[in-house]
């Protein structure tokens, strides 16, 4: 494909993703139509369907390309084993998760109001990987690796600690969405710092 055509295709895709993110943030996934997305991006629905398979495909691309990245979870968190401090790694992962959940909640929450859409969404997510459970798995795998390295207590329960960290971040994002609170970067950092400090006694070697 000529370079100009490649650039045009990239621009079309980017504009459609920007339009999808804008409309989905305002209306939620369940109430967003491909017609609205195409209009917001300045294209026809036909162009949208030439670029993306369907609304679920668009949604998944918005999650991965237009929302805060959770690099420590999407990549291999165990690469951090033995580097820095356990508390520091958990804080960084927690801040990334909280930023992602805070921005994704208004978009994704409405999917649970549409049973058919929820099934399509779940199937689409699982076809691409492990889905939302990956966050819990990544944190638990990291903690087990730190146990093996002698930096986390043998008595610690990685799955439970991971559930508390991920669940705490998710619940905080829910409250932000519910109350309409504006959560600053400093506010996210303070919350995650307190959460990790609460969990640390369950990880420390005695």
C-alpha atoms as a PDB file:
ATOM      1  CA  UNK A   1       0.000   0.000   0.000  1.00  0.00           C
ATOM      2  CA  UNK A   2       1.446   3.448  -0.908  1.00  0.00           C
ATOM      3  CA  UNK A   3       2.617   5.541   2.035  1.00  0.00           C
ATOM      4  CA  UNK A   4      -0.117   8.148   1.446  1.00  0.00           C
ATOM      5  CA  UNK A   5      -2.839   5.483   1.505  1.00  0.00           C
ATOM      6  CA  UNK A   6      -1.369   3.993   4.672  1.00  0.00           C
ATOM      7  CA  UNK A   7      -1.387   7.417   6.348  1.00  0.00           C
ATOM      8  CA  UNK A   8      -4.988   8.013   5.265  1.00  0.00           C
ATOM      9  CA  UNK A   9      -6.073   4.644   6.690  1.00  0.00           C
ATOM     10  CA  UNK A  10      -4.277   5.399   9.961  1.00  0.00           C
ATOM     11  CA  UNK A  11      -5.903   8.822  10.173  1.00  0.00           C
ATOM     12  CA  UNK A  12      -9.350   7.332   9.549  1.00  0.00           C
ATOM     13  CA  UNK A  13      -8.826   4.702  12.236  1.00  0.00           C
ATOM     14  CA  UNK A  14      -7.564   7.261  14.745  1.00  0.00           C
ATOM     15  CA  UNK A  15     -10.482   9.607  14.107  1.00  0.00           C
ATOM     16  CA  UNK A  16     -12.968   6.765  14.496  1.00  0.00           C
ATOM     17  CA  UNK A  17     -11.344   5.747  17.794  1.00  0.00           C
ATOM     18  CA  UNK A  18     -11.424   9.342  19.009  1.00  0.00           C
ATOM     19  CA  UNK A  19     -15.094   9.569  18.060  1.00  0.00           C
ATOM     20  CA  UNK A  20     -15.879   6.262  19.748  1.00  0.00           C
ATOM     21  CA  UNK A  21     -14.106   7.284  22.953  1.00  0.00           C
ATOM     22  CA  UNK A  22     -15.958  10.610  23.020  1.00  0.00           C
ATOM     23  CA  UNK A  23     -19.409   9.105  22.486  1.00  0.00           C
ATOM     24  CA  UNK A  24     -18.840   6.099  24.765  1.00  0.00           C
ATOM     25  CA  UNK A  25     -17.693   8.344  27.621  1.00  0.00           C
ATOM     26  CA  UNK A  26     -20.837  10.435  27.245  1.00  0.00           C
ATOM     27  CA  UNK A  27     -23.405   7.680  26.693  1.00  0.00           C
ATOM     28  CA  UNK A  28     -21.860   4.411  27.862  1.00  0.00           C
ATOM     29  CA  UNK A  29     -21.257   1.389  25.662  1.00  0.00           C
ATOM     30  CA  UNK A  30     -24.794  -0.029  25.774  1.00  0.00           C
ATOM     31  CA  UNK A  31     -26.379   3.232  24.594  1.00  0.00           C
ATOM     32  CA  UNK A  32     -23.788   4.088  21.950  1.00  0.00           C
ATOM     33  CA  UNK A  33     -24.546   3.338  18.302  1.00  0.00           C
ATOM     34  CA  UNK A  34     -22.104   2.943  15.442  1.00  0.00           C
ATOM     35  CA  UNK A  35     -24.062   5.654  13.624  1.00  0.00           C
ATOM     36  CA  UNK A  36     -23.311   8.124  16.439  1.00  0.00           C
ATOM     37  CA  UNK A  37     -19.641   7.123  16.471  1.00  0.00           C
ATOM     38  CA  UNK A  38     -19.299   7.538  12.713  1.00  0.00           C
ATOM     39  CA  UNK A  39     -21.004  10.951  12.849  1.00  0.00           C
ATOM     40  CA  UNK A  40     -18.746  12.137  15.692  1.00  0.00           C
ATOM     41  CA  UNK A  41     -15.694  11.086  13.663  1.00  0.00           C
ATOM     42  CA  UNK A  42     -16.986  12.663  10.455  1.00  0.00           C
ATOM     43  CA  UNK A  43     -17.418   9.404   8.544  1.00  0.00           C
ATOM     44  CA  UNK A  44     -20.191   7.133   7.327  1.00  0.00           C
ATOM     45  CA  UNK A  45     -21.117   3.864   9.041  1.00  0.00           C
ATOM     46  CA  UNK A  46     -19.847   2.080   5.927  1.00  0.00           C
ATOM     47  CA  UNK A  47     -16.374   3.491   6.554  1.00  0.00           C
ATOM     48  CA  UNK A  48     -16.573   2.468  10.202  1.00  0.00           C
ATOM     49  CA  UNK A  49     -17.378  -1.141   9.283  1.00  0.00           C
ATOM     50  CA  UNK A  50     -14.516  -1.212   6.789  1.00  0.00           C
ATOM     51  CA  UNK A  51     -12.167  -0.353   9.657  1.00  0.00           C
ATOM     52  CA  UNK A  52     -13.664  -2.213  12.638  1.00  0.00           C
ATOM     53  CA  UNK A  53     -15.638  -5.457  12.844  1.00  0.00           C
ATOM     54  CA  UNK A  54     -18.368  -4.056  15.105  1.00  0.00           C
ATOM     55  CA  UNK A  55     -19.030  -1.920  18.192  1.00  0.00           C
ATOM     56  CA  UNK A  56     -17.403  -4.466  20.499  1.00  0.00           C
ATOM     57  CA  UNK A  57     -14.243  -4.395  18.388  1.00  0.00           C
ATOM     58  CA  UNK A  58     -14.265  -0.594  18.625  1.00  0.00           C
ATOM     59  CA  UNK A  59     -14.787  -0.729  22.379  1.00  0.00           C
ATOM     60  CA  UNK A  60     -11.859  -3.083  22.914  1.00  0.00           C
ATOM     61  CA  UNK A  61      -9.622  -0.839  20.816  1.00  0.00           C
ATOM     62  CA  UNK A  62     -10.751   2.211  22.819  1.00  0.00           C
ATOM     63  CA  UNK A  63      -9.831   0.385  26.040  1.00  0.00           C
ATOM     64  CA  UNK A  64      -6.343  -0.461  24.835  1.00  0.00           C
ATOM     65  CA  UNK A  65      -5.562   2.653  22.792  1.00  0.00           C
ATOM     66  CA  UNK A  66      -7.504   5.565  24.263  1.00  0.00           C
ATOM     67  CA  UNK A  67      -7.467   4.919  28.016  1.00  0.00           C
ATOM     68  CA  UNK A  68      -4.573   4.938  30.510  1.00  0.00           C
ATOM     69  CA  UNK A  69      -2.311   1.941  29.987  1.00  0.00           C
ATOM     70  CA  UNK A  70      -1.768  -0.653  32.704  1.00  0.00           C
ATOM     71  CA  UNK A  71       1.713  -1.634  31.532  1.00  0.00           C
ATOM     72  CA  UNK A  72       2.726  -3.514  34.669  1.00  0.00           C
ATOM     73  CA  UNK A  73      -0.293  -5.793  34.321  1.00  0.00           C
ATOM     74  CA  UNK A  74      -0.550  -6.132  30.547  1.00  0.00           C
ATOM     75  CA  UNK A  75       3.143  -6.997  30.363  1.00  0.00           C
ATOM     76  CA  UNK A  76       5.035  -9.423  32.626  1.00  0.00           C
ATOM     77  CA  UNK A  77       4.950  -8.067  36.172  1.00  0.00           C
ATOM     78  CA  UNK A  78       7.311 -10.837  37.289  1.00  0.00           C
ATOM     79  CA  UNK A  79      10.107  -9.008  35.466  1.00  0.00           C
ATOM     80  CA  UNK A  80      10.056  -6.630  38.447  1.00  0.00           C
ATOM     81  CA  UNK A  81      10.909  -9.396  40.908  1.00  0.00           C
ATOM     82  CA  UNK A  82      13.935  -8.450  43.009  1.00  0.00           C
ATOM     83  CA  UNK A  83      13.972  -4.897  41.633  1.00  0.00           C
ATOM     84  CA  UNK A  84      13.105  -1.910  43.784  1.00  0.00           C
ATOM     85  CA  UNK A  85      10.708  -2.655  46.614  1.00  0.00           C
ATOM     86  CA  UNK A  86       7.609  -4.826  46.670  1.00  0.00           C
ATOM     87  CA  UNK A  87       5.616  -1.889  48.033  1.00  0.00           C
ATOM     88  CA  UNK A  88       6.840   0.362  45.212  1.00  0.00           C
ATOM     89  CA  UNK A  89       5.877  -2.125  42.530  1.00  0.00           C
ATOM     90  CA  UNK A  90       2.433  -2.635  44.036  1.00  0.00           C
ATOM     91  CA  UNK A  91       1.897   1.121  44.287  1.00  0.00           C
ATOM     92  CA  UNK A  92       2.838   1.636  40.646  1.00  0.00           C
ATOM     93  CA  UNK A  93       0.585  -1.190  39.482  1.00  0.00           C
ATOM     94  CA  UNK A  94      -2.241   0.095  41.684  1.00  0.00           C
ATOM     95  CA  UNK A  95      -1.998   3.656  40.374  1.00  0.00           C
ATOM     96  CA  UNK A  96      -2.094   2.407  36.790  1.00  0.00           C
ATOM     97  CA  UNK A  97      -5.124   0.210  37.501  1.00  0.00           C
ATOM     98  CA  UNK A  98      -6.976   2.986  39.321  1.00  0.00           C
ATOM     99  CA  UNK A  99      -6.395   5.432  36.453  1.00  0.00           C
ATOM    100  CA  UNK A 100      -7.658   2.858  33.949  1.00  0.00           C
ATOM    101  CA  UNK A 101     -10.715   1.837  35.969  1.00  0.00           C
ATOM    102  CA  UNK A 102     -11.653   5.464  36.654  1.00  0.00           C
ATOM    103  CA  UNK A 103     -11.763   6.296  32.952  1.00  0.00           C
ATOM    104  CA  UNK A 104     -13.246   2.998  31.763  1.00  0.00           C
ATOM    105  CA  UNK A 105     -16.075   2.729  34.307  1.00  0.00           C
ATOM    106  CA  UNK A 106     -18.383   5.320  32.690  1.00  0.00           C
ATOM    107  CA  UNK A 107     -17.912   3.564  29.354  1.00  0.00           C
ATOM    108  CA  UNK A 108     -18.238  -0.058  30.368  1.00  0.00           C
ATOM    109  CA  UNK A 109     -20.720  -0.081  33.271  1.00  0.00           C
ATOM    110  CA  UNK A 110     -23.784   0.103  31.025  1.00  0.00           C
ATOM    111  CA  UNK A 111     -22.818  -3.136  29.282  1.00  0.00           C
ATOM    112  CA  UNK A 112     -24.332  -5.040  32.208  1.00  0.00           C
ATOM    113  CA  UNK A 113     -27.759  -3.609  31.381  1.00  0.00           C
ATOM    114  CA  UNK A 114     -27.819  -5.420  28.025  1.00  0.00           C
ATOM    115  CA  UNK A 115     -27.512  -9.215  28.368  1.00  0.00           C
ATOM    116  CA  UNK A 116     -26.856  -9.816  24.669  1.00  0.00           C
ATOM    117  CA  UNK A 117     -24.219  -7.094  24.497  1.00  0.00           C
ATOM    118  CA  UNK A 118     -22.574  -8.436  27.640  1.00  0.00           C
ATOM    119  CA  UNK A 119     -22.222 -11.867  26.029  1.00  0.00           C
ATOM    120  CA  UNK A 120     -20.720 -10.370  22.852  1.00  0.00           C
ATOM    121  CA  UNK A 121     -18.405  -8.198  24.893  1.00  0.00           C
ATOM    122  CA  UNK A 122     -17.289 -11.092  27.111  1.00  0.00           C
ATOM    123  CA  UNK A 123     -16.668 -13.342  24.110  1.00  0.00           C
ATOM    124  CA  UNK A 124     -14.736 -10.588  22.339  1.00  0.00           C
ATOM    125  CA  UNK A 125     -12.546  -9.865  25.359  1.00  0.00           C
ATOM    126  CA  UNK A 126     -11.804 -13.535  26.072  1.00  0.00           C
ATOM    127  CA  UNK A 127     -10.970 -14.131  22.405  1.00  0.00           C
ATOM    128  CA  UNK A 128      -8.151 -11.609  22.810  1.00  0.00           C
ATOM    129  CA  UNK A 129      -6.782 -12.894  26.120  1.00  0.00           C
ATOM    130  CA  UNK A 130      -7.622 -13.625  29.753  1.00  0.00           C
ATOM    131  CA  UNK A 131      -9.801 -10.527  30.220  1.00  0.00           C
ATOM    132  CA  UNK A 132     -10.328  -8.575  33.466  1.00  0.00           C
ATOM    133  CA  UNK A 133      -9.012 -11.442  35.596  1.00  0.00           C
ATOM    134  CA  UNK A 134      -5.555 -10.760  34.189  1.00  0.00           C
ATOM    135  CA  UNK A 135      -4.995  -7.963  36.727  1.00  0.00           C
ATOM    136  CA  UNK A 136      -5.533 -10.318  39.676  1.00  0.00           C
ATOM    137  CA  UNK A 137      -3.430 -13.028  38.053  1.00  0.00           C
ATOM    138  CA  UNK A 138      -0.542 -10.671  37.288  1.00  0.00           C
ATOM    139  CA  UNK A 139      -0.321  -9.302  40.829  1.00  0.00           C
ATOM    140  CA  UNK A 140      -0.646 -12.768  42.400  1.00  0.00           C
ATOM    141  CA  UNK A 141       2.028 -14.209  40.083  1.00  0.00           C
ATOM    142  CA  UNK A 142       4.350 -11.348  40.986  1.00  0.00           C
ATOM    143  CA  UNK A 143       3.851 -11.918  44.718  1.00  0.00           C
ATOM    144  CA  UNK A 144       4.446 -15.676  44.388  1.00  0.00           C
ATOM    145  CA  UNK A 145       7.678 -14.940  42.525  1.00  0.00           C
ATOM    146  CA  UNK A 146       8.729 -12.546  45.304  1.00  0.00           C
ATOM    147  CA  UNK A 147       7.933 -15.295  47.824  1.00  0.00           C
ATOM    148  CA  UNK A 148      10.273 -17.629  45.941  1.00  0.00           C
ATOM    149  CA  UNK A 149      12.922 -14.881  45.980  1.00  0.00           C
ATOM    150  CA  UNK A 150      12.566 -14.525  49.753  1.00  0.00           C
ATOM    151  CA  UNK A 151      11.202 -10.977  49.732  1.00  0.00           C
ATOM    152  CA  UNK A 152       7.604 -11.860  50.696  1.00  0.00           C
ATOM    153  CA  UNK A 153       6.538 -13.955  53.664  1.00  0.00           C
ATOM    154  CA  UNK A 154       5.904 -17.635  53.025  1.00  0.00           C
ATOM    155  CA  UNK A 155       2.675 -17.210  54.986  1.00  0.00           C
ATOM    156  CA  UNK A 156       1.335 -14.530  52.625  1.00  0.00           C
ATOM    157  CA  UNK A 157      -1.622 -15.377  50.414  1.00  0.00           C
ATOM    158  CA  UNK A 158      -0.896 -13.824  47.008  1.00  0.00           C
ATOM    159  CA  UNK A 159      -4.350 -14.399  45.524  1.00  0.00           C
ATOM    160  CA  UNK A 160      -6.062 -12.714  48.472  1.00  0.00           C
ATOM    161  CA  UNK A 161      -3.663  -9.763  48.489  1.00  0.00           C
ATOM    162  CA  UNK A 162      -4.078  -9.354  44.722  1.00  0.00           C
ATOM    163  CA  UNK A 163      -7.861  -9.403  45.089  1.00  0.00           C
ATOM    164  CA  UNK A 164      -7.671  -6.731  47.804  1.00  0.00           C
ATOM    165  CA  UNK A 165      -5.425  -4.465  45.717  1.00  0.00           C
ATOM    166  CA  UNK A 166      -7.306  -4.840  42.430  1.00  0.00           C
ATOM    167  CA  UNK A 167     -10.704  -4.837  44.125  1.00  0.00           C
ATOM    168  CA  UNK A 168      -9.843  -1.755  46.158  1.00  0.00           C
ATOM    169  CA  UNK A 169      -8.856   0.151  43.026  1.00  0.00           C
ATOM    170  CA  UNK A 170     -11.974  -0.996  41.179  1.00  0.00           C
ATOM    171  CA  UNK A 171     -14.282  -0.031  44.050  1.00  0.00           C
ATOM    172  CA  UNK A 172     -12.647   3.406  44.326  1.00  0.00           C
ATOM    173  CA  UNK A 173     -13.256   3.924  40.599  1.00  0.00           C
ATOM    174  CA  UNK A 174     -16.888   2.900  41.071  1.00  0.00           C
ATOM    175  CA  UNK A 175     -17.361   5.500  43.799  1.00  0.00           C
ATOM    176  CA  UNK A 176     -15.767   8.172  41.616  1.00  0.00           C
ATOM    177  CA  UNK A 177     -18.179   7.313  38.790  1.00  0.00           C
ATOM    178  CA  UNK A 178     -21.154   7.152  41.160  1.00  0.00           C
ATOM    179  CA  UNK A 179     -20.516  10.440  42.955  1.00  0.00           C
ATOM    180  CA  UNK A 180     -19.099  12.373  40.023  1.00  0.00           C
ATOM    181  CA  UNK A 181     -16.010  13.160  42.072  1.00  0.00           C
ATOM    182  CA  UNK A 182     -12.941  14.448  40.231  1.00  0.00           C
ATOM    183  CA  UNK A 183     -10.026  12.249  41.279  1.00  0.00           C
ATOM    184  CA  UNK A 184      -6.680  13.947  40.702  1.00  0.00           C
ATOM    185  CA  UNK A 185      -3.384  12.192  40.095  1.00  0.00           C
ATOM    186  CA  UNK A 186      -2.353  13.156  43.633  1.00  0.00           C
ATOM    187  CA  UNK A 187      -5.616  11.719  44.955  1.00  0.00           C
ATOM    188  CA  UNK A 188      -5.025   8.438  43.134  1.00  0.00           C
ATOM    189  CA  UNK A 189      -1.500   8.242  44.499  1.00  0.00           C
ATOM    190  CA  UNK A 190      -2.634   8.918  48.064  1.00  0.00           C
ATOM    191  CA  UNK A 191      -5.373   6.289  47.901  1.00  0.00           C
ATOM    192  CA  UNK A 192      -3.116   3.593  46.457  1.00  0.00           C
ATOM    193  CA  UNK A 193      -0.298   4.426  48.907  1.00  0.00           C
ATOM    194  CA  UNK A 194      -2.687   3.963  51.840  1.00  0.00           C
ATOM    195  CA  UNK A 195      -4.100   0.759  50.339  1.00  0.00           C
ATOM    196  CA  UNK A 196      -0.669  -0.796  49.813  1.00  0.00           C
ATOM    197  CA  UNK A 197       0.466   0.262  53.303  1.00  0.00           C
ATOM    198  CA  UNK A 198      -2.562  -1.576  54.697  1.00  0.00           C
ATOM    199  CA  UNK A 199      -1.679  -4.734  52.775  1.00  0.00           C
ATOM    200  CA  UNK A 200       2.045  -4.747  53.517  1.00  0.00           C
ATOM    201  CA  UNK A 201       1.827  -6.410  56.967  1.00  0.00           C
ATOM    202  CA  UNK A 202       0.370  -9.472  55.253  1.00  0.00           C
ATOM    203  CA  UNK A 203       3.465  -9.668  53.027  1.00  0.00           C
ATOM    204  CA  UNK A 204       6.342  -8.827  55.353  1.00  0.00           C
ATOM    205  CA  UNK A 205       8.703 -11.499  56.552  1.00  0.00           C
ATOM    206  CA  UNK A 206       8.989 -11.814  60.329  1.00  0.00           C
END
